[in-house]
């Protein structure tokens, strides 16, 4: 299940372990990290899938992606 949600990618400091943090702001708590931007985004896609499946299972509201979000 893929939806065009906005992704925010932030480099992590060495004190935070380095790598990158990827989040989907519209899906509260949906985040992941990785050593490279691609790894962080790929891990985020797995987290997104789990987030959406959990929301469906529990009858939670699933936010609709905003088409013009930047």
PDB file of N, CA and C in Angstrom:
ATOM      1  N   UNK A   1       0.845  -1.160   0.000  1.00  0.00           N
ATOM      2  CA  UNK A   1       0.000   0.000   0.000  1.00  0.00           C
ATOM      3  C   UNK A   1       0.900   1.237   0.000  1.00  0.00           C
ATOM      4  N   UNK A   2       0.924   1.957  -1.092  1.00  0.00           N
ATOM      5  CA  UNK A   2       1.748   3.163  -1.164  1.00  0.00           C
ATOM      6  C   UNK A   2       0.872   4.377  -1.448  1.00  0.00           C
ATOM      7  N   UNK A   3       1.084   5.393  -0.656  1.00  0.00           N
ATOM      8  CA  UNK A   3       0.410   6.658  -0.861  1.00  0.00           C
ATOM      9  C   UNK A   3       1.487   7.736  -0.944  1.00  0.00           C
ATOM     10  N   UNK A   4       1.212   8.823  -1.654  1.00  0.00           N
ATOM     11  CA  UNK A   4       2.234   9.859  -1.831  1.00  0.00           C
ATOM     12  C   UNK A   4       2.336  10.823  -0.647  1.00  0.00           C
ATOM     13  N   UNK A   5       2.671  10.287   0.519  1.00  0.00           N
ATOM     14  CA  UNK A   5       2.836  11.143   1.684  1.00  0.00           C
ATOM     15  C   UNK A   5       4.171  11.875   1.614  1.00  0.00           C
ATOM     16  N   UNK A   6       4.167  13.105   2.115  1.00  0.00           N
ATOM     17  CA  UNK A   6       5.398  13.890   2.203  1.00  0.00           C
ATOM     18  C   UNK A   6       6.343  13.224   3.203  1.00  0.00           C
ATOM     19  N   UNK A   7       7.606  13.127   2.816  1.00  0.00           N
ATOM     20  CA  UNK A   7       8.647  12.576   3.676  1.00  0.00           C
ATOM     21  C   UNK A   7       9.603  13.689   4.055  1.00  0.00           C
ATOM     22  N   UNK A   8       9.978  13.734   5.330  1.00  0.00           N
ATOM     23  CA  UNK A   8      11.013  14.652   5.788  1.00  0.00           C
ATOM     24  C   UNK A   8      12.235  13.820   6.147  1.00  0.00           C
ATOM     25  N   UNK A   9      13.372  14.184   5.590  1.00  0.00           N
ATOM     26  CA  UNK A   9      14.622  13.464   5.801  1.00  0.00           C
ATOM     27  C   UNK A   9      15.612  14.410   6.483  1.00  0.00           C
ATOM     28  N   UNK A  10      16.142  13.976   7.627  1.00  0.00           N
ATOM     29  CA  UNK A  10      17.041  14.818   8.411  1.00  0.00           C
ATOM     30  C   UNK A  10      18.313  14.052   8.742  1.00  0.00           C
ATOM     31  N   UNK A  11      19.486  14.655   8.479  1.00  0.00           N
ATOM     32  CA  UNK A  11      20.721  14.007   8.909  1.00  0.00           C
ATOM     33  C   UNK A  11      20.803  13.989  10.440  1.00  0.00           C
ATOM     34  N   UNK A  12      21.281  12.894  10.984  1.00  0.00           N
ATOM     35  CA  UNK A  12      21.460  12.778  12.427  1.00  0.00           C
ATOM     36  C   UNK A  12      22.903  13.087  12.791  1.00  0.00           C
ATOM     37  N   UNK A  13      23.098  13.728  13.929  1.00  0.00           N
ATOM     38  CA  UNK A  13      24.454  14.049  14.374  1.00  0.00           C
ATOM     39  C   UNK A  13      25.178  12.768  14.787  1.00  0.00           C
ATOM     40  N   UNK A  14      26.487  12.856  14.858  1.00  0.00           N
ATOM     41  CA  UNK A  14      27.270  11.695  15.289  1.00  0.00           C
ATOM     42  C   UNK A  14      26.910  11.295  16.705  1.00  0.00           C
ATOM     43  N   UNK A  15      26.556  12.265  17.556  1.00  0.00           N
ATOM     44  CA  UNK A  15      26.158  11.929  18.927  1.00  0.00           C
ATOM     45  C   UNK A  15      24.823  11.183  18.967  1.00  0.00           C
ATOM     46  N   UNK A  16      24.014  11.339  17.921  1.00  0.00           N
ATOM     47  CA  UNK A  16      22.749  10.611  17.809  1.00  0.00           C
ATOM     48  C   UNK A  16      22.914   9.316  17.016  1.00  0.00           C
ATOM     49  N   UNK A  17      24.155   8.962  16.692  1.00  0.00           N
ATOM     50  CA  UNK A  17      24.406   7.708  15.985  1.00  0.00           C
ATOM     51  C   UNK A  17      24.671   7.873  14.510  1.00  0.00           C
ATOM     52  N   UNK A  18      24.564   9.081  13.989  1.00  0.00           N
ATOM     53  CA  UNK A  18      24.792   9.317  12.564  1.00  0.00           C
ATOM     54  C   UNK A  18      23.661   8.778  11.711  1.00  0.00           C
ATOM     55  N   UNK A  19      23.829   8.861  10.415  1.00  0.00           N
ATOM     56  CA  UNK A  19      22.802   8.390   9.494  1.00  0.00           C
ATOM     57  C   UNK A  19      21.730   9.440   9.268  1.00  0.00           C
ATOM     58  N   UNK A  20      20.526   8.954   8.991  1.00  0.00           N
ATOM     59  CA  UNK A  20      19.414   9.838   8.628  1.00  0.00           C
ATOM     60  C   UNK A  20      18.132   9.376   9.292  1.00  0.00           C
ATOM     61  N   UNK A  21      17.306  10.346   9.639  1.00  0.00           N
ATOM     62  CA  UNK A  21      15.972  10.098  10.175  1.00  0.00           C
ATOM     63  C   UNK A  21      14.972  10.463   9.092  1.00  0.00           C
ATOM     64  N   UNK A  22      14.024   9.566   8.830  1.00  0.00           N
ATOM     65  CA  UNK A  22      12.962   9.818   7.854  1.00  0.00           C
ATOM     66  C   UNK A  22      11.623   9.717   8.574  1.00  0.00           C
ATOM     67  N   UNK A  23      10.770  10.720   8.363  1.00  0.00           N
ATOM     68  CA  UNK A  23       9.444  10.710   8.986  1.00  0.00           C
ATOM     69  C   UNK A  23       8.385  11.081   7.956  1.00  0.00           C
ATOM     70  N   UNK A  24       7.169  10.641   8.234  1.00  0.00           N
ATOM     71  CA  UNK A  24       5.987  11.080   7.485  1.00  0.00           C
ATOM     72  C   UNK A  24       5.166  11.887   8.479  1.00  0.00           C
ATOM     73  N   UNK A  25       5.250  13.216   8.410  1.00  0.00           N
ATOM     74  CA  UNK A  25       4.595  14.058   9.420  1.00  0.00           C
ATOM     75  C   UNK A  25       3.092  13.815   9.556  1.00  0.00           C
ATOM     76  N   UNK A  26       2.430  13.476   8.476  1.00  0.00           N
ATOM     77  CA  UNK A  26       0.983  13.305   8.505  1.00  0.00           C
ATOM     78  C   UNK A  26       0.563  12.020   9.235  1.00  0.00           C
ATOM     79  N   UNK A  27       1.486  11.060   9.349  1.00  0.00           N
ATOM     80  CA  UNK A  27       1.196   9.805  10.050  1.00  0.00           C
ATOM     81  C   UNK A  27       1.926   9.832  11.387  1.00  0.00           C
ATOM     82  N   UNK A  28       1.225  10.257  12.421  1.00  0.00           N
ATOM     83  CA  UNK A  28       1.839  10.471  13.730  1.00  0.00           C
ATOM     84  C   UNK A  28       2.613   9.237  14.198  1.00  0.00           C
ATOM     85  N   UNK A  29       3.908   9.458  14.465  1.00  0.00           N
ATOM     86  CA  UNK A  29       4.756   8.384  14.965  1.00  0.00           C
ATOM     87  C   UNK A  29       5.381   7.517  13.890  1.00  0.00           C
ATOM     88  N   UNK A  30       5.083   7.779  12.626  1.00  0.00           N
ATOM     89  CA  UNK A  30       5.643   6.974  11.538  1.00  0.00           C
ATOM     90  C   UNK A  30       7.016   7.521  11.183  1.00  0.00           C
ATOM     91  N   UNK A  31       8.049   6.782  11.595  1.00  0.00           N
ATOM     92  CA  UNK A  31       9.405   7.223  11.347  1.00  0.00           C
ATOM     93  C   UNK A  31      10.345   6.027  11.302  1.00  0.00           C
ATOM     94  N   UNK A  32      11.502   6.248  10.730  1.00  0.00           N
ATOM     95  CA  UNK A  32      12.542   5.234  10.690  1.00  0.00           C
ATOM     96  C   UNK A  32      13.870   5.928  10.448  1.00  0.00           C
ATOM     97  N   UNK A  33      14.932   5.151  10.465  1.00  0.00           N
ATOM     98  CA  UNK A  33      16.239   5.730  10.187  1.00  0.00           C
ATOM     99  C   UNK A  33      17.072   4.759   9.370  1.00  0.00           C
ATOM    100  N   UNK A  34      18.240   5.219   8.966  1.00  0.00           N
ATOM    101  CA  UNK A  34      19.157   4.397   8.200  1.00  0.00           C
ATOM    102  C   UNK A  34      20.486   5.106   8.064  1.00  0.00           C
ATOM    103  N   UNK A  35      21.496   4.372   7.638  1.00  0.00           N
ATOM    104  CA  UNK A  35      22.821   4.953   7.487  1.00  0.00           C
ATOM    105  C   UNK A  35      22.917   5.873   6.270  1.00  0.00           C
ATOM    106  N   UNK A  36      22.075   5.648   5.255  1.00  0.00           N
ATOM    107  CA  UNK A  36      22.052   6.487   4.059  1.00  0.00           C
ATOM    108  C   UNK A  36      20.634   7.014   3.869  1.00  0.00           C
ATOM    109  N   UNK A  37      20.471   8.065   3.058  1.00  0.00           N
ATOM    110  CA  UNK A  37      19.107   8.546   2.779  1.00  0.00           C
ATOM    111  C   UNK A  37      18.221   7.442   2.180  1.00  0.00           C
ATOM    112  N   UNK A  38      18.759   6.674   1.233  1.00  0.00           N
ATOM    113  CA  UNK A  38      17.966   5.606   0.610  1.00  0.00           C
ATOM    114  C   UNK A  38      17.542   4.547   1.627  1.00  0.00           C
ATOM    115  N   UNK A  39      18.464   4.172   2.500  1.00  0.00           N
ATOM    116  CA  UNK A  39      18.142   3.172   3.518  1.00  0.00           C
ATOM    117  C   UNK A  39      17.062   3.694   4.467  1.00  0.00           C
ATOM    118  N   UNK A  40      17.174   4.953   4.872  1.00  0.00           N
ATOM    119  CA  UNK A  40      16.177   5.537   5.766  1.00  0.00           C
ATOM    120  C   UNK A  40      14.799   5.568   5.109  1.00  0.00           C
ATOM    121  N   UNK A  41      14.753   5.915   3.823  1.00  0.00           N
ATOM    122  CA  UNK A  41      13.466   5.972   3.112  1.00  0.00           C
ATOM    123  C   UNK A  41      12.901   4.575   2.909  1.00  0.00           C
ATOM    124  N   UNK A  42      13.747   3.615   2.548  1.00  0.00           N
ATOM    125  CA  UNK A  42      13.261   2.235   2.389  1.00  0.00           C
ATOM    126  C   UNK A  42      12.719   1.700   3.713  1.00  0.00           C
ATOM    127  N   UNK A  43      13.419   1.972   4.806  1.00  0.00           N
ATOM    128  CA  UNK A  43      12.938   1.546   6.116  1.00  0.00           C
ATOM    129  C   UNK A  43      11.636   2.258   6.476  1.00  0.00           C
ATOM    130  N   UNK A  44      11.518   3.515   6.073  1.00  0.00           N
ATOM    131  CA  UNK A  44      10.294   4.268   6.334  1.00  0.00           C
ATOM    132  C   UNK A  44       9.117   3.674   5.578  1.00  0.00           C
ATOM    133  N   UNK A  45       9.342   3.205   4.374  1.00  0.00           N
ATOM    134  CA  UNK A  45       8.253   2.587   3.595  1.00  0.00           C
ATOM    135  C   UNK A  45       7.714   1.355   4.315  1.00  0.00           C
ATOM    136  N   UNK A  46       8.616   0.584   4.944  1.00  0.00           N
ATOM    137  CA  UNK A  46       8.166  -0.564   5.734  1.00  0.00           C
ATOM    138  C   UNK A  46       7.374  -0.107   6.953  1.00  0.00           C
ATOM    139  N   UNK A  47       7.851   0.961   7.604  1.00  0.00           N
ATOM    140  CA  UNK A  47       7.134   1.506   8.761  1.00  0.00           C
ATOM    141  C   UNK A  47       5.770   2.052   8.342  1.00  0.00           C
ATOM    142  N   UNK A  48       5.712   2.679   7.163  1.00  0.00           N
ATOM    143  CA  UNK A  48       4.447   3.210   6.647  1.00  0.00           C
ATOM    144  C   UNK A  48       3.450   2.078   6.434  1.00  0.00           C
ATOM    145  N   UNK A  49       3.911   0.995   5.849  1.00  0.00           N
ATOM    146  CA  UNK A  49       3.042  -0.163   5.608  1.00  0.00           C
ATOM    147  C   UNK A  49       2.473  -0.674   6.940  1.00  0.00           C
ATOM    148  N   UNK A  50       3.344  -0.826   7.933  1.00  0.00           N
ATOM    149  CA  UNK A  50       2.901  -1.304   9.245  1.00  0.00           C
ATOM    150  C   UNK A  50       1.940  -0.308   9.897  1.00  0.00           C
ATOM    151  N   UNK A  51       2.220   0.991   9.754  1.00  0.00           N
ATOM    152  CA  UNK A  51       1.362   2.030  10.329  1.00  0.00           C
ATOM    153  C   UNK A  51      -0.032   1.937   9.729  1.00  0.00           C
ATOM    154  N   UNK A  52      -0.101   1.835   8.396  1.00  0.00           N
ATOM    155  CA  UNK A  52      -1.400   1.777   7.716  1.00  0.00           C
ATOM    156  C   UNK A  52      -2.157   0.499   8.063  1.00  0.00           C
ATOM    157  N   UNK A  53      -1.462  -0.626   8.114  1.00  0.00           N
ATOM    158  CA  UNK A  53      -2.117  -1.890   8.471  1.00  0.00           C
ATOM    159  C   UNK A  53      -2.681  -1.833   9.886  1.00  0.00           C
ATOM    160  N   UNK A  54      -1.926  -1.246  10.814  1.00  0.00           N
ATOM    161  CA  UNK A  54      -2.393  -1.115  12.189  1.00  0.00           C
ATOM    162  C   UNK A  54      -3.616  -0.202  12.264  1.00  0.00           C
ATOM    163  N   UNK A  55      -3.575   0.909  11.524  1.00  0.00           N
ATOM    164  CA  UNK A  55      -4.714   1.835  11.522  1.00  0.00           C
ATOM    165  C   UNK A  55      -5.970   1.148  10.986  1.00  0.00           C
ATOM    166  N   UNK A  56      -5.821   0.373   9.918  1.00  0.00           N
ATOM    167  CA  UNK A  56      -6.967  -0.348   9.358  1.00  0.00           C
ATOM    168  C   UNK A  56      -7.502  -1.373  10.352  1.00  0.00           C
ATOM    169  N   UNK A  57      -6.603  -2.106  10.978  1.00  0.00           N
ATOM    170  CA  UNK A  57      -6.987  -3.149  11.935  1.00  0.00           C
ATOM    171  C   UNK A  57      -7.766  -2.566  13.114  1.00  0.00           C
ATOM    172  N   UNK A  58      -7.354  -1.386  13.569  1.00  0.00           N
ATOM    173  CA  UNK A  58      -7.975  -0.791  14.749  1.00  0.00           C
ATOM    174  C   UNK A  58      -9.065   0.231  14.419  1.00  0.00           C
ATOM    175  N   UNK A  59      -9.349   0.407  13.138  1.00  0.00           N
ATOM    176  CA  UNK A  59     -10.391   1.345  12.741  1.00  0.00           C
ATOM    177  C   UNK A  59     -10.008   2.800  12.927  1.00  0.00           C
ATOM    178  N   UNK A  60      -8.695   3.060  12.969  1.00  0.00           N
ATOM    179  CA  UNK A  60      -8.223   4.436  13.125  1.00  0.00           C
ATOM    180  C   UNK A  60      -8.339   5.197  11.811  1.00  0.00           C
ATOM    181  N   UNK A  61      -8.470   6.494  11.924  1.00  0.00           N
ATOM    182  CA  UNK A  61      -8.545   7.348  10.744  1.00  0.00           C
ATOM    183  C   UNK A  61      -7.190   7.371  10.035  1.00  0.00           C
ATOM    184  N   UNK A  62      -7.223   7.258   8.715  1.00  0.00           N
ATOM    185  CA  UNK A  62      -6.015   7.336   7.909  1.00  0.00           C
ATOM    186  C   UNK A  62      -6.028   8.671   7.185  1.00  0.00           C
ATOM    187  N   UNK A  63      -5.068   9.545   7.495  1.00  0.00           N
ATOM    188  CA  UNK A  63      -5.032  10.851   6.839  1.00  0.00           C
ATOM    189  C   UNK A  63      -4.819  10.715   5.337  1.00  0.00           C
ATOM    190  N   UNK A  64      -5.503  11.567   4.588  1.00  0.00           N
ATOM    191  CA  UNK A  64      -5.366  11.582   3.141  1.00  0.00           C
ATOM    192  C   UNK A  64      -4.167  12.453   2.779  1.00  0.00           C
ATOM    193  N   UNK A  65      -3.266  11.953   1.907  1.00  0.00           N
ATOM    194  CA  UNK A  65      -2.127  12.780   1.519  1.00  0.00           C
ATOM    195  C   UNK A  65      -2.604  14.056   0.854  1.00  0.00           C
ATOM    196  N   UNK A  66      -1.879  15.118   1.096  1.00  0.00           N
ATOM    197  CA  UNK A  66      -2.199  16.407   0.476  1.00  0.00           C
ATOM    198  C   UNK A  66      -1.451  16.506  -0.841  1.00  0.00           C
ATOM    199  N   UNK A  67      -2.171  16.782  -1.906  1.00  0.00           N
ATOM    200  CA  UNK A  67      -1.570  16.810  -3.239  1.00  0.00           C
ATOM    201  C   UNK A  67      -0.534  17.898  -3.413  1.00  0.00           C
ATOM    202  N   UNK A  68      -0.717  19.029  -2.761  1.00  0.00           N
ATOM    203  CA  UNK A  68       0.190  20.154  -2.987  1.00  0.00           C
ATOM    204  C   UNK A  68       1.125  20.401  -1.809  1.00  0.00           C
ATOM    205  N   UNK A  69       1.315  19.376  -0.994  1.00  0.00           N
ATOM    206  CA  UNK A  69       2.188  19.502   0.153  1.00  0.00           C
ATOM    207  C   UNK A  69       3.640  19.517  -0.308  1.00  0.00           C
ATOM    208  N   UNK A  70       4.433  20.387   0.258  1.00  0.00           N
ATOM    209  CA  UNK A  70       5.859  20.466  -0.099  1.00  0.00           C
ATOM    210  C   UNK A  70       6.718  20.209   1.084  1.00  0.00           C
TER     211      UNK A  70
END
